[in-house]
PDB file of N, CA and C in Angstrom:
ATOM      1  N   MET A   1       7.052   5.117  -6.905  1.00  0.00           N
ATOM      2  CA  MET A   1       7.163   4.790  -5.509  1.00  0.00           C
ATOM      3  C   MET A   1       7.924   3.476  -5.367  1.00  0.00           C
ATOM      4  N   ILE A   2       8.807   3.427  -4.393  1.00  0.00           N
ATOM      5  CA  ILE A   2       9.578   2.223  -4.081  1.00  0.00           C
ATOM      6  C   ILE A   2       9.427   1.940  -2.587  1.00  0.00           C
ATOM      7  N   LEU A   3       9.196   0.691  -2.250  1.00  0.00           N
ATOM      8  CA  LEU A   3       9.174   0.237  -0.862  1.00  0.00           C
ATOM      9  C   LEU A   3      10.232  -0.844  -0.753  1.00  0.00           C
ATOM     10  N   ASN A   4      11.305  -0.552  -0.005  1.00  0.00           N
ATOM     11  CA  ASN A   4      12.404  -1.520   0.077  1.00  0.00           C
ATOM     12  C   ASN A   4      12.201  -2.513   1.221  1.00  0.00           C
ATOM     13  N   ALA A   5      13.116  -3.469   1.331  1.00  0.00           N
ATOM     14  CA  ALA A   5      13.015  -4.544   2.322  1.00  0.00           C
ATOM     15  C   ALA A   5      13.095  -4.034   3.759  1.00  0.00           C
ATOM     16  N   LYS A   6      13.695  -2.867   3.967  1.00  0.00           N
ATOM     17  CA  LYS A   6      13.791  -2.287   5.315  1.00  0.00           C
ATOM     18  C   LYS A   6      12.486  -1.622   5.739  1.00  0.00           C
ATOM     19  N   GLY A   7      11.552  -1.432   4.779  1.00  0.00           N
ATOM     20  CA  GLY A   7      10.295  -0.769   5.095  1.00  0.00           C
ATOM     21  C   GLY A   7      10.317   0.718   4.803  1.00  0.00           C
ATOM     22  N   ASP A   8      11.357   1.194   4.129  1.00  0.00           N
ATOM     23  CA  ASP A   8      11.440   2.609   3.772  1.00  0.00           C
ATOM     24  C   ASP A   8      10.675   2.851   2.475  1.00  0.00           C
ATOM     25  N   ILE A   9       9.881   3.910   2.453  1.00  0.00           N
ATOM     26  CA  ILE A   9       9.089   4.277   1.285  1.00  0.00           C
ATOM     27  C   ILE A   9       9.760   5.464   0.613  1.00  0.00           C
ATOM     28  N   TYR A  10      10.031   5.328  -0.687  1.00  0.00           N
ATOM     29  CA  TYR A  10      10.656   6.407  -1.458  1.00  0.00           C
ATOM     30  C   TYR A  10       9.760   6.800  -2.617  1.00  0.00           C
ATOM     31  N   PHE A  11       9.660   8.088  -2.855  1.00  0.00           N
ATOM     32  CA  PHE A  11       8.930   8.619  -4.007  1.00  0.00           C
ATOM     33  C   PHE A  11       9.839   9.621  -4.696  1.00  0.00           C
ATOM     34  N   ASP A  12      10.134   9.383  -5.970  1.00  0.00           N
ATOM     35  CA  ASP A  12      11.074  10.222  -6.724  1.00  0.00           C
ATOM     36  C   ASP A  12      12.400  10.387  -5.985  1.00  0.00           C
ATOM     37  N   GLY A  13      12.878   9.303  -5.356  1.00  0.00           N
ATOM     38  CA  GLY A  13      14.163   9.299  -4.683  1.00  0.00           C
ATOM     39  C   GLY A  13      14.180   9.902  -3.289  1.00  0.00           C
ATOM     40  N   VAL A  14      13.049  10.395  -2.807  1.00  0.00           N
ATOM     41  CA  VAL A  14      12.971  11.023  -1.486  1.00  0.00           C
ATOM     42  C   VAL A  14      12.218  10.086  -0.538  1.00  0.00           C
ATOM     43  N   LYS A  15      12.795   9.867   0.646  1.00  0.00           N
ATOM     44  CA  LYS A  15      12.119   9.023   1.639  1.00  0.00           C
ATOM     45  C   LYS A  15      10.888   9.758   2.155  1.00  0.00           C
ATOM     46  N   THR A  16       9.721   9.131   1.960  1.00  0.00           N
ATOM     47  CA  THR A  16       8.468   9.793   2.329  1.00  0.00           C
ATOM     48  C   THR A  16       7.717   9.088   3.447  1.00  0.00           C
ATOM     49  N   GLY A  17       8.210   7.934   3.900  1.00  0.00           N
ATOM     50  CA  GLY A  17       7.531   7.230   4.970  1.00  0.00           C
ATOM     51  C   GLY A  17       8.185   5.903   5.266  1.00  0.00           C
ATOM     52  N   THR A  18       7.545   5.147   6.164  1.00  0.00           N
ATOM     53  CA  THR A  18       8.047   3.838   6.559  1.00  0.00           C
ATOM     54  C   THR A  18       6.899   2.873   6.830  1.00  0.00           C
ATOM     55  N   VAL A  19       7.225   1.590   6.785  1.00  0.00           N
ATOM     56  CA  VAL A  19       6.319   0.526   7.201  1.00  0.00           C
ATOM     57  C   VAL A  19       7.075  -0.271   8.253  1.00  0.00           C
ATOM     58  N   SER A  20       6.506  -0.368   9.443  1.00  0.00           N
ATOM     59  CA  SER A  20       7.186  -1.086  10.523  1.00  0.00           C
ATOM     60  C   SER A  20       7.025  -2.595  10.362  1.00  0.00           C
ATOM     61  N   LYS A  21       7.760  -3.345  11.169  1.00  0.00           N
ATOM     62  CA  LYS A  21       7.637  -4.805  11.154  1.00  0.00           C
ATOM     63  C   LYS A  21       6.241  -5.234  11.577  1.00  0.00           C
ATOM     64  N   ASP A  22       5.545  -4.372  12.329  1.00  0.00           N
ATOM     65  CA  ASP A  22       4.173  -4.649  12.757  1.00  0.00           C
ATOM     66  C   ASP A  22       3.149  -4.210  11.716  1.00  0.00           C
ATOM     67  N   LYS A  23       3.642  -3.798  10.506  1.00  0.00           N
ATOM     68  CA  LYS A  23       2.834  -3.349   9.376  1.00  0.00           C
ATOM     69  C   LYS A  23       2.062  -2.068   9.671  1.00  0.00           C
ATOM     70  N   ILE A  24       2.678  -1.203  10.490  1.00  0.00           N
ATOM     71  CA  ILE A  24       2.130   0.126  10.727  1.00  0.00           C
ATOM     72  C   ILE A  24       2.770   1.064   9.711  1.00  0.00           C
ATOM     73  N   ILE A  25       1.951   1.818   9.006  1.00  0.00           N
ATOM     74  CA  ILE A  25       2.413   2.720   7.953  1.00  0.00           C
ATOM     75  C   ILE A  25       2.440   4.136   8.521  1.00  0.00           C
ATOM     76  N   SER A  26       3.609   4.785   8.394  1.00  0.00           N
ATOM     77  CA  SER A  26       3.791   6.142   8.914  1.00  0.00           C
ATOM     78  C   SER A  26       4.374   7.033   7.826  1.00  0.00           C
ATOM     79  N   ASP A  27       4.078   8.334   7.916  1.00  0.00           N
ATOM     80  CA  ASP A  27       4.685   9.272   6.973  1.00  0.00           C
ATOM     81  C   ASP A  27       6.097   9.616   7.433  1.00  0.00           C
ATOM     82  N   SER A  28       6.766  10.510   6.701  1.00  0.00           N
ATOM     83  CA  SER A  28       8.167  10.826   7.000  1.00  0.00           C
ATOM     84  C   SER A  28       8.352  11.514   8.348  1.00  0.00           C
ATOM     85  N   LYS A  29       7.288  12.054   8.924  1.00  0.00           N
ATOM     86  CA  LYS A  29       7.364  12.707  10.226  1.00  0.00           C
ATOM     87  C   LYS A  29       6.986  11.769  11.369  1.00  0.00           C
ATOM     88  N   GLY A  30       6.685  10.500  11.017  1.00  0.00           N
ATOM     89  CA  GLY A  30       6.338   9.521  12.040  1.00  0.00           C
ATOM     90  C   GLY A  30       4.860   9.436  12.350  1.00  0.00           C
ATOM     91  N   LYS A  31       4.021  10.211  11.652  1.00  0.00           N
ATOM     92  CA  LYS A  31       2.578  10.163  11.894  1.00  0.00           C
ATOM     93  C   LYS A  31       2.014   8.861  11.336  1.00  0.00           C
ATOM     94  N   LYS A  32       1.280   8.130  12.183  1.00  0.00           N
ATOM     95  CA  LYS A  32       0.673   6.871  11.780  1.00  0.00           C
ATOM     96  C   LYS A  32      -0.447   7.133  10.774  1.00  0.00           C
ATOM     97  N   LEU A  33      -0.392   6.448   9.622  1.00  0.00           N
ATOM     98  CA  LEU A  33      -1.407   6.604   8.581  1.00  0.00           C
ATOM     99  C   LEU A  33      -2.387   5.443   8.545  1.00  0.00           C
ATOM    100  N   GLY A  34      -1.935   4.256   8.933  1.00  0.00           N
ATOM    101  CA  GLY A  34      -2.788   3.087   8.899  1.00  0.00           C
ATOM    102  C   GLY A  34      -2.008   1.825   9.181  1.00  0.00           C
ATOM    103  N   PHE A  35      -2.699   0.677   9.089  1.00  0.00           N
ATOM    104  CA  PHE A  35      -2.037  -0.600   9.305  1.00  0.00           C
ATOM    105  C   PHE A  35      -2.812  -1.715   8.617  1.00  0.00           C
ATOM    106  N   LEU A  36      -2.108  -2.805   8.376  1.00  0.00           N
ATOM    107  CA  LEU A  36      -2.703  -3.973   7.740  1.00  0.00           C
ATOM    108  C   LEU A  36      -2.816  -5.075   8.765  1.00  0.00           C
ATOM    109  N   GLY A  37      -4.036  -5.569   8.977  1.00  0.00           N
ATOM    110  CA  GLY A  37      -4.270  -6.645   9.924  1.00  0.00           C
ATOM    111  C   GLY A  37      -3.961  -8.000   9.319  1.00  0.00           C
ATOM    112  N   ALA A  38      -3.859  -9.004  10.145  1.00  0.00           N
ATOM    113  CA  ALA A  38      -3.523 -10.359   9.705  1.00  0.00           C
ATOM    114  C   ALA A  38      -4.568 -10.925   8.750  1.00  0.00           C
ATOM    115  N   ASN A  39      -5.788 -10.416   8.806  1.00  0.00           N
ATOM    116  CA  ASN A  39      -6.860 -10.911   7.954  1.00  0.00           C
ATOM    117  C   ASN A  39      -6.907 -10.211   6.595  1.00  0.00           C
ATOM    118  N   GLY A  40      -5.914  -9.371   6.302  1.00  0.00           N
ATOM    119  CA  GLY A  40      -5.855  -8.685   5.015  1.00  0.00           C
ATOM    120  C   GLY A  40      -6.662  -7.411   4.948  1.00  0.00           C
ATOM    121  N   ILE A  41      -7.235  -6.977   6.065  1.00  0.00           N
ATOM    122  CA  ILE A  41      -8.028  -5.752   6.082  1.00  0.00           C
ATOM    123  C   ILE A  41      -7.131  -4.572   6.422  1.00  0.00           C
ATOM    124  N   LEU A  42      -7.176  -3.556   5.576  1.00  0.00           N
ATOM    125  CA  LEU A  42      -6.409  -2.332   5.771  1.00  0.00           C
ATOM    126  C   LEU A  42      -7.268  -1.331   6.528  1.00  0.00           C
ATOM    127  N   LYS A  43      -6.725  -0.802   7.619  1.00  0.00           N
ATOM    128  CA  LYS A  43      -7.464   0.152   8.450  1.00  0.00           C
ATOM    129  C   LYS A  43      -6.681   1.445   8.573  1.00  0.00           C
ATOM    130  N   ASP A  44      -7.413   2.553   8.744  1.00  0.00           N
ATOM    131  CA  ASP A  44      -6.746   3.836   8.943  1.00  0.00           C
ATOM    132  C   ASP A  44      -6.261   3.948  10.384  1.00  0.00           C
ATOM    133  N   GLU A  45      -5.682   5.092  10.724  1.00  0.00           N
ATOM    134  CA  GLU A  45      -5.106   5.266  12.062  1.00  0.00           C
ATOM    135  C   GLU A  45      -6.124   5.177  13.179  1.00  0.00           C
ATOM    136  N   ASN A  46      -7.432   5.324  12.856  1.00  0.00           N
ATOM    137  CA  ASN A  46      -8.494   5.242  13.858  1.00  0.00           C
ATOM    138  C   ASN A  46      -9.166   3.878  13.890  1.00  0.00           C
ATOM    139  N   GLY A  47      -8.689   2.941  13.055  1.00  0.00           N
ATOM    140  CA  GLY A  47      -9.250   1.602  13.038  1.00  0.00           C
ATOM    141  C   GLY A  47     -10.391   1.404  12.057  1.00  0.00           C
ATOM    142  N   LYS A  48     -10.730   2.420  11.251  1.00  0.00           N
ATOM    143  CA  LYS A  48     -11.811   2.304  10.271  1.00  0.00           C
ATOM    144  C   LYS A  48     -11.304   1.567   9.026  1.00  0.00           C
ATOM    145  N   MET A  49     -12.122   0.620   8.526  1.00  0.00           N
ATOM    146  CA  MET A  49     -11.742  -0.151   7.349  1.00  0.00           C
ATOM    147  C   MET A  49     -11.623   0.744   6.127  1.00  0.00           C
ATOM    148  N   MET A  50     -10.502   0.593   5.401  1.00  0.00           N
ATOM    149  CA  MET A  50     -10.264   1.356   4.179  1.00  0.00           C
ATOM    150  C   MET A  50     -10.330   0.451   2.956  1.00  0.00           C
ATOM    151  N   GLY A  51     -10.137  -0.833   3.142  1.00  0.00           N
ATOM    152  CA  GLY A  51     -10.117  -1.771   2.036  1.00  0.00           C
ATOM    153  C   GLY A  51      -9.581  -3.100   2.503  1.00  0.00           C
ATOM    154  N   LYS A  52      -9.387  -4.010   1.538  1.00  0.00           N
ATOM    155  CA  LYS A  52      -8.835  -5.311   1.931  1.00  0.00           C
ATOM    156  C   LYS A  52      -8.108  -5.961   0.775  1.00  0.00           C
ATOM    157  N   MET A  53      -7.238  -6.877   1.150  1.00  0.00           N
ATOM    158  CA  MET A  53      -6.479  -7.663   0.197  1.00  0.00           C
ATOM    159  C   MET A  53      -7.320  -8.877  -0.188  1.00  0.00           C
ATOM    160  N   GLY A  54      -7.337  -9.204  -1.477  1.00  0.00           N
ATOM    161  CA  GLY A  54      -8.057 -10.385  -1.944  1.00  0.00           C
ATOM    162  C   GLY A  54      -7.429 -11.666  -1.442  1.00  0.00           C
ATOM    163  N   LYS A  55      -8.172 -12.747  -1.513  1.00  0.00           N
ATOM    164  CA  LYS A  55      -7.673 -14.044  -1.051  1.00  0.00           C
ATOM    165  C   LYS A  55      -6.444 -14.497  -1.826  1.00  0.00           C
ATOM    166  N   ASP A  56      -6.297 -14.005  -3.079  1.00  0.00           N
ATOM    167  CA  ASP A  56      -5.136 -14.377  -3.878  1.00  0.00           C
ATOM    168  C   ASP A  56      -3.865 -13.655  -3.439  1.00  0.00           C
ATOM    169  N   GLY A  57      -4.007 -12.640  -2.574  1.00  0.00           N
ATOM    170  CA  GLY A  57      -2.858 -11.877  -2.093  1.00  0.00           C
ATOM    171  C   GLY A  57      -2.285 -10.942  -3.142  1.00  0.00           C
ATOM    172  N   LYS A  58      -2.968 -10.801  -4.268  1.00  0.00           N
ATOM    173  CA  LYS A  58      -2.474  -9.978  -5.364  1.00  0.00           C
ATOM    174  C   LYS A  58      -3.465  -8.923  -5.823  1.00  0.00           C
ATOM    175  N   THR A  59      -4.682  -8.981  -5.342  1.00  0.00           N
ATOM    176  CA  THR A  59      -5.732  -8.043  -5.741  1.00  0.00           C
ATOM    177  C   THR A  59      -6.163  -7.255  -4.511  1.00  0.00           C
ATOM    178  N   TYR A  60      -6.345  -5.949  -4.684  1.00  0.00           N
ATOM    179  CA  TYR A  60      -6.720  -5.079  -3.573  1.00  0.00           C
ATOM    180  C   TYR A  60      -8.015  -4.360  -3.891  1.00  0.00           C
ATOM    181  N   PHE A  61      -8.895  -4.315  -2.900  1.00  0.00           N
ATOM    182  CA  PHE A  61     -10.223  -3.754  -3.067  1.00  0.00           C
ATOM    183  C   PHE A  61     -10.430  -2.581  -2.115  1.00  0.00           C
ATOM    184  N   ASP A  62     -11.260  -1.620  -2.520  1.00  0.00           N
ATOM    185  CA  ASP A  62     -11.631  -0.557  -1.594  1.00  0.00           C
ATOM    186  C   ASP A  62     -12.703  -1.095  -0.654  1.00  0.00           C
ATOM    187  N   GLU A  63     -13.196  -0.233   0.240  1.00  0.00           N
ATOM    188  CA  GLU A  63     -14.164  -0.693   1.232  1.00  0.00           C
ATOM    189  C   GLU A  63     -15.493  -1.099   0.623  1.00  0.00           C
ATOM    190  N   LYS A  64     -15.745  -0.722  -0.647  1.00  0.00           N
ATOM    191  CA  LYS A  64     -16.987  -1.086  -1.336  1.00  0.00           C
ATOM    192  C   LYS A  64     -16.830  -2.347  -2.192  1.00  0.00           C
ATOM    193  N   GLY A  65     -15.611  -2.899  -2.254  1.00  0.00           N
ATOM    194  CA  GLY A  65     -15.373  -4.111  -3.018  1.00  0.00           C
ATOM    195  C   GLY A  65     -14.888  -3.883  -4.442  1.00  0.00           C
ATOM    196  N   ASN A  66     -14.616  -2.628  -4.823  1.00  0.00           N
ATOM    197  CA  ASN A  66     -14.102  -2.322  -6.153  1.00  0.00           C
ATOM    198  C   ASN A  66     -12.605  -2.590  -6.205  1.00  0.00           C
ATOM    199  N   ILE A  67     -12.119  -3.145  -7.316  1.00  0.00           N
ATOM    200  CA  ILE A  67     -10.686  -3.392  -7.470  1.00  0.00           C
ATOM    201  C   ILE A  67      -9.954  -2.063  -7.587  1.00  0.00           C
ATOM    202  N   ILE A  68      -8.913  -1.891  -6.763  1.00  0.00           N
ATOM    203  CA  ILE A  68      -8.078  -0.696  -6.804  1.00  0.00           C
ATOM    204  C   ILE A  68      -6.860  -0.958  -7.678  1.00  0.00           C
ATOM    205  N   PHE A  69      -6.181  -2.081  -7.435  1.00  0.00           N
ATOM    206  CA  PHE A  69      -4.993  -2.442  -8.204  1.00  0.00           C
ATOM    207  C   PHE A  69      -4.624  -3.898  -7.949  1.00  0.00           C
ATOM    208  N   THR A  70      -3.634  -4.369  -8.686  1.00  0.00           N
ATOM    209  CA  THR A  70      -3.127  -5.731  -8.515  1.00  0.00           C
ATOM    210  C   THR A  70      -1.615  -5.690  -8.327  1.00  0.00           C
ATOM    211  N   ILE A  71      -1.084  -6.775  -7.799  1.00  0.00           N
ATOM    212  CA  ILE A  71       0.353  -6.935  -7.581  1.00  0.00           C
ATOM    213  C   ILE A  71       0.835  -8.059  -8.485  1.00  0.00           C
ATOM    214  N   GLU A  72       1.969  -7.852  -9.126  1.00  0.00           N
ATOM    215  CA  GLU A  72       2.535  -8.869 -10.018  1.00  0.00           C
ATOM    216  C   GLU A  72       4.026  -9.008  -9.729  1.00  0.00           C
ATOM    217  N   ASP A  73       4.504 -10.243  -9.593  1.00  0.00           N
ATOM    218  CA  ASP A  73       5.932 -10.466  -9.359  1.00  0.00           C
ATOM    219  C   ASP A  73       6.734  -9.809 -10.474  1.00  0.00           C
ATOM    220  N   PHE A  74       7.829  -9.128 -10.093  1.00  0.00           N
ATOM    221  CA  PHE A  74       8.686  -8.460 -11.064  1.00  0.00           C
ATOM    222  C   PHE A  74      10.030  -9.177 -11.192  1.00  0.00           C
ATOM    223  N   ASP A  75      10.677  -9.381 -10.048  1.00  0.00           N
ATOM    224  CA  ASP A  75      11.944 -10.108 -10.028  1.00  0.00           C
ATOM    225  C   ASP A  75      11.984 -10.942  -8.748  1.00  0.00           C
ATOM    226  N   LYS A  76      13.159 -11.402  -8.350  1.00  0.00           N
ATOM    227  CA  LYS A  76      13.257 -12.269  -7.171  1.00  0.00           C
ATOM    228  C   LYS A  76      12.849 -11.583  -5.879  1.00  0.00           C
ATOM    229  N   GLU A  77      12.975 -10.250  -5.813  1.00  0.00           N
ATOM    230  CA  GLU A  77      12.737  -9.550  -4.554  1.00  0.00           C
ATOM    231  C   GLU A  77      11.578  -8.575  -4.573  1.00  0.00           C
ATOM    232  N   THR A  78      11.107  -8.151  -5.741  1.00  0.00           N
ATOM    233  CA  THR A  78      10.098  -7.102  -5.783  1.00  0.00           C
ATOM    234  C   THR A  78       8.876  -7.482  -6.618  1.00  0.00           C
ATOM    235  N   CYS A  79       7.816  -6.705  -6.412  1.00  0.00           N
ATOM    236  CA  CYS A  79       6.568  -6.853  -7.155  1.00  0.00           C
ATOM    237  C   CYS A  79       6.172  -5.491  -7.701  1.00  0.00           C
ATOM    238  N   ASN A  80       5.588  -5.480  -8.897  1.00  0.00           N
ATOM    239  CA  ASN A  80       5.045  -4.244  -9.446  1.00  0.00           C
ATOM    240  C   ASN A  80       3.602  -4.072  -9.003  1.00  0.00           C
ATOM    241  N   ILE A  81       3.220  -2.822  -8.779  1.00  0.00           N
ATOM    242  CA  ILE A  81       1.837  -2.472  -8.486  1.00  0.00           C
ATOM    243  C   ILE A  81       1.248  -1.970  -9.796  1.00  0.00           C
ATOM    244  N   LYS A  82       0.116  -2.552 -10.214  1.00  0.00           N
ATOM    245  CA  LYS A  82      -0.532  -2.143 -11.461  1.00  0.00           C
ATOM    246  C   LYS A  82      -1.932  -1.615 -11.171  1.00  0.00           C
ATOM    247  N   ASP A  83      -2.265  -0.499 -11.822  1.00  0.00           N
ATOM    248  CA  ASP A  83      -3.603   0.051 -11.632  1.00  0.00           C
ATOM    249  C   ASP A  83      -4.633  -0.833 -12.331  1.00  0.00           C
ATOM    250  N   ALA A  84      -5.899  -0.461 -12.244  1.00  0.00           N
ATOM    251  CA  ALA A  84      -6.981  -1.266 -12.811  1.00  0.00           C
ATOM    252  C   ALA A  84      -6.840  -1.458 -14.315  1.00  0.00           C
ATOM    253  N   LYS A  85      -6.113  -0.557 -14.982  1.00  0.00           N
ATOM    254  CA  LYS A  85      -5.915  -0.650 -16.429  1.00  0.00           C
ATOM    255  C   LYS A  85      -4.654  -1.425 -16.799  1.00  0.00           C
ATOM    256  N   GLY A  86      -3.865  -1.845 -15.801  1.00  0.00           N
ATOM    257  CA  GLY A  86      -2.662  -2.629 -16.051  1.00  0.00           C
ATOM    258  C   GLY A  86      -1.383  -1.825 -16.142  1.00  0.00           C
ATOM    259  N   ALA A  87      -1.450  -0.515 -15.924  1.00  0.00           N
ATOM    260  CA  ALA A  87      -0.250   0.322 -15.966  1.00  0.00           C
ATOM    261  C   ALA A  87       0.523   0.190 -14.654  1.00  0.00           C
ATOM    262  N   VAL A  88       1.848   0.075 -14.730  1.00  0.00           N
ATOM    263  CA  VAL A  88       2.686  -0.019 -13.533  1.00  0.00           C
ATOM    264  C   VAL A  88       2.718   1.342 -12.847  1.00  0.00           C
ATOM    265  N   ILE A  89       2.351   1.352 -11.564  1.00  0.00           N
ATOM    266  CA  ILE A  89       2.316   2.605 -10.803  1.00  0.00           C
ATOM    267  C   ILE A  89       3.259   2.590  -9.612  1.00  0.00           C
ATOM    268  N   GLY A  90       3.942   1.469  -9.367  1.00  0.00           N
ATOM    269  CA  GLY A  90       4.876   1.400  -8.251  1.00  0.00           C
ATOM    270  C   GLY A  90       5.539   0.042  -8.166  1.00  0.00           C
ATOM    271  N   ASN A  91       6.450  -0.092  -7.196  1.00  0.00           N
ATOM    272  CA  ASN A  91       7.189  -1.324  -6.993  1.00  0.00           C
ATOM    273  C   ASN A  91       7.434  -1.480  -5.499  1.00  0.00           C
ATOM    274  N   VAL A  92       7.168  -2.666  -4.949  1.00  0.00           N
ATOM    275  CA  VAL A  92       7.357  -2.922  -3.519  1.00  0.00           C
ATOM    276  C   VAL A  92       8.155  -4.195  -3.320  1.00  0.00           C
ATOM    277  N   HIS A  93       8.849  -4.277  -2.196  1.00  0.00           N
ATOM    278  CA  HIS A  93       9.547  -5.505  -1.833  1.00  0.00           C
ATOM    279  C   HIS A  93       8.491  -6.573  -1.544  1.00  0.00           C
ATOM    280  N   LYS A  94       8.751  -7.808  -1.935  1.00  0.00           N
ATOM    281  CA  LYS A  94       7.769  -8.885  -1.776  1.00  0.00           C
ATOM    282  C   LYS A  94       7.299  -9.061  -0.339  1.00  0.00           C
ATOM    283  N   SER A  95       8.175  -8.842   0.616  1.00  0.00           N
ATOM    284  CA  SER A  95       7.799  -9.047   2.019  1.00  0.00           C
ATOM    285  C   SER A  95       6.813  -7.994   2.519  1.00  0.00           C
ATOM    286  N   LEU A  96       6.641  -6.904   1.771  1.00  0.00           N
ATOM    287  CA  LEU A  96       5.774  -5.817   2.225  1.00  0.00           C
ATOM    288  C   LEU A  96       4.633  -5.525   1.254  1.00  0.00           C
ATOM    289  N   LYS A  97       4.334  -6.447   0.344  1.00  0.00           N
ATOM    290  CA  LYS A  97       3.309  -6.166  -0.649  1.00  0.00           C
ATOM    291  C   LYS A  97       1.916  -6.034  -0.039  1.00  0.00           C
ATOM    292  N   GLY A  98       1.706  -6.540   1.151  1.00  0.00           N
ATOM    293  CA  GLY A  98       0.407  -6.432   1.801  1.00  0.00           C
ATOM    294  C   GLY A  98       0.005  -5.020   2.171  1.00  0.00           C
ATOM    295  N   VAL A  99       0.953  -4.112   2.236  1.00  0.00           N
ATOM    296  CA  VAL A  99       0.632  -2.728   2.594  1.00  0.00           C
ATOM    297  C   VAL A  99       0.542  -1.831   1.361  1.00  0.00           C
ATOM    298  N   ALA A 100       0.561  -2.429   0.194  1.00  0.00           N
ATOM    299  CA  ALA A 100       0.581  -1.658  -1.050  1.00  0.00           C
ATOM    300  C   ALA A 100      -0.619  -0.739  -1.206  1.00  0.00           C
ATOM    301  N   CYS A 101      -1.784  -1.116  -0.710  1.00  0.00           N
ATOM    302  CA  CYS A 101      -2.983  -0.279  -0.835  1.00  0.00           C
ATOM    303  C   CYS A 101      -2.781   1.077  -0.172  1.00  0.00           C
ATOM    304  N   ALA A 102      -2.308   1.061   1.050  1.00  0.00           N
ATOM    305  CA  ALA A 102      -2.079   2.319   1.752  1.00  0.00           C
ATOM    306  C   ALA A 102      -0.985   3.126   1.075  1.00  0.00           C
ATOM    307  N   LEU A 103       0.036   2.452   0.592  1.00  0.00           N
ATOM    308  CA  LEU A 103       1.120   3.148  -0.084  1.00  0.00           C
ATOM    309  C   LEU A 103       0.643   3.792  -1.380  1.00  0.00           C
ATOM    310  N   HIS A 104      -0.248   3.119  -2.082  1.00  0.00           N
ATOM    311  CA  HIS A 104      -0.814   3.666  -3.314  1.00  0.00           C
ATOM    312  C   HIS A 104      -1.524   4.988  -3.015  1.00  0.00           C
ATOM    313  N   CYS A 105      -2.347   5.005  -1.987  1.00  0.00           N
ATOM    314  CA  CYS A 105      -3.049   6.234  -1.610  1.00  0.00           C
ATOM    315  C   CYS A 105      -2.071   7.302  -1.143  1.00  0.00           C
ATOM    316  N   PHE A 106      -1.096   6.902  -0.348  1.00  0.00           N
ATOM    317  CA  PHE A 106      -0.104   7.822   0.179  1.00  0.00           C
ATOM    318  C   PHE A 106       0.666   8.491  -0.957  1.00  0.00           C
ATOM    319  N   GLN A 107       1.139   7.695  -1.916  1.00  0.00           N
ATOM    320  CA  GLN A 107       1.909   8.216  -3.029  1.00  0.00           C
ATOM    321  C   GLN A 107       1.099   9.171  -3.885  1.00  0.00           C
ATOM    322  N   ASN A 108      -0.169   8.873  -4.098  1.00  0.00           N
ATOM    323  CA  ASN A 108      -0.999   9.659  -4.990  1.00  0.00           C
ATOM    324  C   ASN A 108      -1.771  10.760  -4.268  1.00  0.00           C
ATOM    325  N   GLN A 109      -1.401  11.020  -3.023  1.00  0.00           N
ATOM    326  CA  GLN A 109      -2.028  12.054  -2.201  1.00  0.00           C
ATOM    327  C   GLN A 109      -3.544  11.890  -2.190  1.00  0.00           C
ATOM    328  N   MET A 110      -3.963  10.641  -1.990  1.00  0.00           N
ATOM    329  CA  MET A 110      -5.382  10.323  -1.958  1.00  0.00           C
ATOM    330  C   MET A 110      -5.833  10.123  -0.522  1.00  0.00           C
ATOM    331  N   ASP A 111      -7.108  10.368  -0.292  1.00  0.00           N
ATOM    332  CA  ASP A 111      -7.697  10.112   1.003  1.00  0.00           C
ATOM    333  C   ASP A 111      -7.743   8.593   1.181  1.00  0.00           C
ATOM    334  N   MET A 112      -7.133   8.083   2.225  1.00  0.00           N
ATOM    335  CA  MET A 112      -7.047   6.639   2.399  1.00  0.00           C
ATOM    336  C   MET A 112      -8.382   6.024   2.774  1.00  0.00           C
ATOM    337  N   LYS A 113      -9.363   6.826   3.140  1.00  0.00           N
ATOM    338  CA  LYS A 113     -10.692   6.299   3.453  1.00  0.00           C
ATOM    339  C   LYS A 113     -11.559   6.185   2.213  1.00  0.00           C
ATOM    340  N   THR A 114     -11.425   7.151   1.293  1.00  0.00           N
ATOM    341  CA  THR A 114     -12.291   7.184   0.113  1.00  0.00           C
ATOM    342  C   THR A 114     -11.568   6.822  -1.176  1.00  0.00           C
ATOM    343  N   HIS A 115     -10.240   6.731  -1.138  1.00  0.00           N
ATOM    344  CA  HIS A 115      -9.427   6.453  -2.308  1.00  0.00           C
ATOM    345  C   HIS A 115      -9.635   7.497  -3.402  1.00  0.00           C
ATOM    346  N   SER A 116      -9.883   8.745  -2.986  1.00  0.00           N
ATOM    347  CA  SER A 116     -10.029   9.839  -3.949  1.00  0.00           C
ATOM    348  C   SER A 116      -9.064  10.941  -3.583  1.00  0.00           C
ATOM    349  N   LYS A 117      -8.789  11.830  -4.546  1.00  0.00           N
ATOM    350  CA  LYS A 117      -7.863  12.948  -4.314  1.00  0.00           C
ATOM    351  C   LYS A 117      -8.382  13.846  -3.205  1.00  0.00           C
ATOM    352  N   HIS A 118      -7.451  14.388  -2.419  1.00  0.00           N
ATOM    353  CA  HIS A 118      -7.826  15.322  -1.336  1.00  0.00           C
ATOM    354  C   HIS A 118      -8.454  16.558  -1.930  1.00  0.00           C
TER     355      HIS A 118
END
């Protein structure tokens, strides 16, 4: 998965969604999937909490407080997303790393409320 500076989300070279300047995450058909609030809390399209960003801005937790993944600087413009075991699972533009949790679920076809496969 790649998230570029324009907010376009690509998976295997295909545009699969977008992130707006207001940090609203939508699929390729424009359906709103969720958003990230200023306090680091990720909510689904109905406003229900799905998880939150850690105070370090690099660790992401589910709604129960379990670590989902971490973000690590890769180059001047992007960050790698690493799963709990340290494997790289994606790459996002630094300006949009706050929405990585929702993108992780979106890419892996996971339920954004439970962080489990559909």
